[in-house]
């Protein structure tokens, strides 16, 4: 629940972007931009969710999906976002089930 965890994702993102740029290979830069960057941004949003910034996390998740609809993991991201946005379903005995934990 430490907000400093977001700094970790920012540093990881910057480090990987620098490595891709340093190679000066268009393929590596494109691979980072289209495949790796969205994964890092999604992971950062999941971290936001874990530390209690739900609205901000959901907004970031939606942004990642909108910007990368053809990403190989987009279908899973959509399912996860829909689960997080779905209202809790009341059990038959009237108890509300616990929220879906973030992975």
C-alpha atoms as a PDB file:
ATOM      1  CA  UNK A   1       0.000   0.000   0.000  1.00  0.00           C
ATOM      2  CA  UNK A   2       2.983   2.293  -0.480  1.00  0.00           C
ATOM      3  CA  UNK A   3       2.606   4.980  -3.167  1.00  0.00           C
ATOM      4  CA  UNK A   4       6.341   4.677  -3.781  1.00  0.00           C
ATOM      5  CA  UNK A   5       5.535   1.460  -5.641  1.00  0.00           C
ATOM      6  CA  UNK A   6       4.404   3.634  -8.557  1.00  0.00           C
ATOM      7  CA  UNK A   7       7.913   5.065  -8.722  1.00  0.00           C
ATOM      8  CA  UNK A   8       9.175   1.543  -9.334  1.00  0.00           C
ATOM      9  CA  UNK A   9       6.976   1.219 -12.419  1.00  0.00           C
ATOM     10  CA  UNK A  10       8.053   4.643 -13.671  1.00  0.00           C
ATOM     11  CA  UNK A  11      11.724   3.718 -13.270  1.00  0.00           C
ATOM     12  CA  UNK A  12      11.191   0.340 -14.937  1.00  0.00           C
ATOM     13  CA  UNK A  13       9.407   1.998 -17.852  1.00  0.00           C
ATOM     14  CA  UNK A  14      12.144   4.624 -18.282  1.00  0.00           C
ATOM     15  CA  UNK A  15      14.920   2.042 -18.036  1.00  0.00           C
ATOM     16  CA  UNK A  16      13.371  -0.228 -20.663  1.00  0.00           C
ATOM     17  CA  UNK A  17      12.650   2.727 -22.966  1.00  0.00           C
ATOM     18  CA  UNK A  18      16.292   3.807 -22.706  1.00  0.00           C
ATOM     19  CA  UNK A  19      17.541   0.309 -23.502  1.00  0.00           C
ATOM     20  CA  UNK A  20      15.309   0.113 -26.572  1.00  0.00           C
ATOM     21  CA  UNK A  21      16.390   3.579 -27.739  1.00  0.00           C
ATOM     22  CA  UNK A  22      20.064   2.831 -27.102  1.00  0.00           C
ATOM     23  CA  UNK A  23      20.024  -0.091 -29.531  1.00  0.00           C
ATOM     24  CA  UNK A  24      19.122   2.362 -32.317  1.00  0.00           C
ATOM     25  CA  UNK A  25      17.228  -0.469 -33.981  1.00  0.00           C
ATOM     26  CA  UNK A  26      13.798   0.506 -35.230  1.00  0.00           C
ATOM     27  CA  UNK A  27      12.591  -3.030 -34.530  1.00  0.00           C
ATOM     28  CA  UNK A  28      13.522  -2.831 -30.830  1.00  0.00           C
ATOM     29  CA  UNK A  29      11.930   0.589 -30.408  1.00  0.00           C
ATOM     30  CA  UNK A  30       8.766  -0.560 -32.185  1.00  0.00           C
ATOM     31  CA  UNK A  31       8.645  -3.752 -30.098  1.00  0.00           C
ATOM     32  CA  UNK A  32       8.931  -1.725 -26.902  1.00  0.00           C
ATOM     33  CA  UNK A  33       6.300   0.765 -28.019  1.00  0.00           C
ATOM     34  CA  UNK A  34       3.717  -1.729 -29.232  1.00  0.00           C
ATOM     35  CA  UNK A  35       4.255  -4.691 -26.917  1.00  0.00           C
ATOM     36  CA  UNK A  36       6.221  -3.935 -23.780  1.00  0.00           C
ATOM     37  CA  UNK A  37       5.098  -0.370 -22.988  1.00  0.00           C
ATOM     38  CA  UNK A  38       1.379  -1.268 -22.733  1.00  0.00           C
ATOM     39  CA  UNK A  39       2.200  -4.173 -20.399  1.00  0.00           C
ATOM     40  CA  UNK A  40       4.211  -1.883 -18.142  1.00  0.00           C
ATOM     41  CA  UNK A  41       1.460   0.746 -18.136  1.00  0.00           C
ATOM     42  CA  UNK A  42      -1.151  -1.914 -17.289  1.00  0.00           C
ATOM     43  CA  UNK A  43       1.003  -3.243 -14.443  1.00  0.00           C
ATOM     44  CA  UNK A  44       1.405   0.278 -13.102  1.00  0.00           C
ATOM     45  CA  UNK A  45      -2.376   0.725 -13.167  1.00  0.00           C
ATOM     46  CA  UNK A  46      -2.814  -2.560 -11.286  1.00  0.00           C
ATOM     47  CA  UNK A  47      -0.383  -1.258  -8.692  1.00  0.00           C
ATOM     48  CA  UNK A  48      -2.513   1.900  -8.360  1.00  0.00           C
ATOM     49  CA  UNK A  49      -5.511  -0.315  -7.746  1.00  0.00           C
ATOM     50  CA  UNK A  50      -3.643  -2.265  -5.089  1.00  0.00           C
ATOM     51  CA  UNK A  51      -2.675   0.860  -3.163  1.00  0.00           C
ATOM     52  CA  UNK A  52      -6.226   2.189  -3.182  1.00  0.00           C
ATOM     53  CA  UNK A  53      -6.351   4.599  -6.127  1.00  0.00           C
ATOM     54  CA  UNK A  54      -9.277   2.808  -7.785  1.00  0.00           C
ATOM     55  CA  UNK A  55     -10.672   5.602  -9.962  1.00  0.00           C
ATOM     56  CA  UNK A  56      -7.262   6.627 -11.230  1.00  0.00           C
ATOM     57  CA  UNK A  57      -6.330   2.975 -11.873  1.00  0.00           C
ATOM     58  CA  UNK A  58      -9.511   2.297 -13.830  1.00  0.00           C
ATOM     59  CA  UNK A  59      -8.936   5.407 -15.934  1.00  0.00           C
ATOM     60  CA  UNK A  60      -5.373   4.313 -16.693  1.00  0.00           C
ATOM     61  CA  UNK A  61      -6.521   0.795 -17.561  1.00  0.00           C
ATOM     62  CA  UNK A  62      -9.118   2.139 -19.962  1.00  0.00           C
ATOM     63  CA  UNK A  63      -6.478   4.371 -21.564  1.00  0.00           C
ATOM     64  CA  UNK A  64      -4.158   1.411 -22.096  1.00  0.00           C
ATOM     65  CA  UNK A  65      -6.943  -0.587 -23.751  1.00  0.00           C
ATOM     66  CA  UNK A  66      -8.041   2.316 -25.967  1.00  0.00           C
ATOM     67  CA  UNK A  67      -4.499   3.030 -27.093  1.00  0.00           C
ATOM     68  CA  UNK A  68      -3.670  -0.648 -27.729  1.00  0.00           C
ATOM     69  CA  UNK A  69      -6.803  -2.519 -28.870  1.00  0.00           C
ATOM     70  CA  UNK A  70      -4.785  -4.988 -30.967  1.00  0.00           C
ATOM     71  CA  UNK A  71      -2.293  -5.884 -28.233  1.00  0.00           C
ATOM     72  CA  UNK A  72      -2.090  -9.659 -27.588  1.00  0.00           C
ATOM     73  CA  UNK A  73      -3.201  -9.148 -23.968  1.00  0.00           C
ATOM     74  CA  UNK A  74      -6.017  -6.671 -24.731  1.00  0.00           C
ATOM     75  CA  UNK A  75      -8.794  -9.273 -24.456  1.00  0.00           C
ATOM     76  CA  UNK A  76      -7.660 -10.233 -20.956  1.00  0.00           C
ATOM     77  CA  UNK A  77      -7.371  -6.591 -19.970  1.00  0.00           C
ATOM     78  CA  UNK A  78     -10.921  -5.940 -21.143  1.00  0.00           C
ATOM     79  CA  UNK A  79     -12.247  -8.859 -19.086  1.00  0.00           C
ATOM     80  CA  UNK A  80     -10.369  -7.626 -16.009  1.00  0.00           C
ATOM     81  CA  UNK A  81     -11.656  -4.067 -16.436  1.00  0.00           C
ATOM     82  CA  UNK A  82     -15.230  -5.278 -16.880  1.00  0.00           C
ATOM     83  CA  UNK A  83     -14.930  -7.319 -13.687  1.00  0.00           C
ATOM     84  CA  UNK A  84     -13.687  -4.296 -11.795  1.00  0.00           C
ATOM     85  CA  UNK A  85     -16.478  -2.095 -13.147  1.00  0.00           C
ATOM     86  CA  UNK A  86     -19.287  -4.601 -12.568  1.00  0.00           C
ATOM     87  CA  UNK A  87     -21.458  -3.884  -9.549  1.00  0.00           C
ATOM     88  CA  UNK A  88     -21.127  -6.467  -6.804  1.00  0.00           C
ATOM     89  CA  UNK A  89     -23.718  -9.219  -7.103  1.00  0.00           C
ATOM     90  CA  UNK A  90     -25.608  -9.908  -3.902  1.00  0.00           C
ATOM     91  CA  UNK A  91     -25.569 -13.520  -2.784  1.00  0.00           C
ATOM     92  CA  UNK A  92     -28.842 -15.309  -2.137  1.00  0.00           C
ATOM     93  CA  UNK A  93     -28.541 -14.768   1.611  1.00  0.00           C
ATOM     94  CA  UNK A  94     -28.131 -11.024   1.082  1.00  0.00           C
ATOM     95  CA  UNK A  95     -24.399 -10.946   1.754  1.00  0.00           C
ATOM     96  CA  UNK A  96     -22.225  -9.041  -0.657  1.00  0.00           C
ATOM     97  CA  UNK A  97     -19.256 -11.066  -1.953  1.00  0.00           C
ATOM     98  CA  UNK A  98     -15.766  -9.644  -1.454  1.00  0.00           C
ATOM     99  CA  UNK A  99     -14.282  -7.611  -4.321  1.00  0.00           C
ATOM    100  CA  UNK A 100     -12.168  -9.351  -6.957  1.00  0.00           C
ATOM    101  CA  UNK A 101      -8.522  -9.102  -5.855  1.00  0.00           C
ATOM    102  CA  UNK A 102      -6.074  -7.411  -8.239  1.00  0.00           C
ATOM    103  CA  UNK A 103      -3.316  -9.566  -9.681  1.00  0.00           C
END
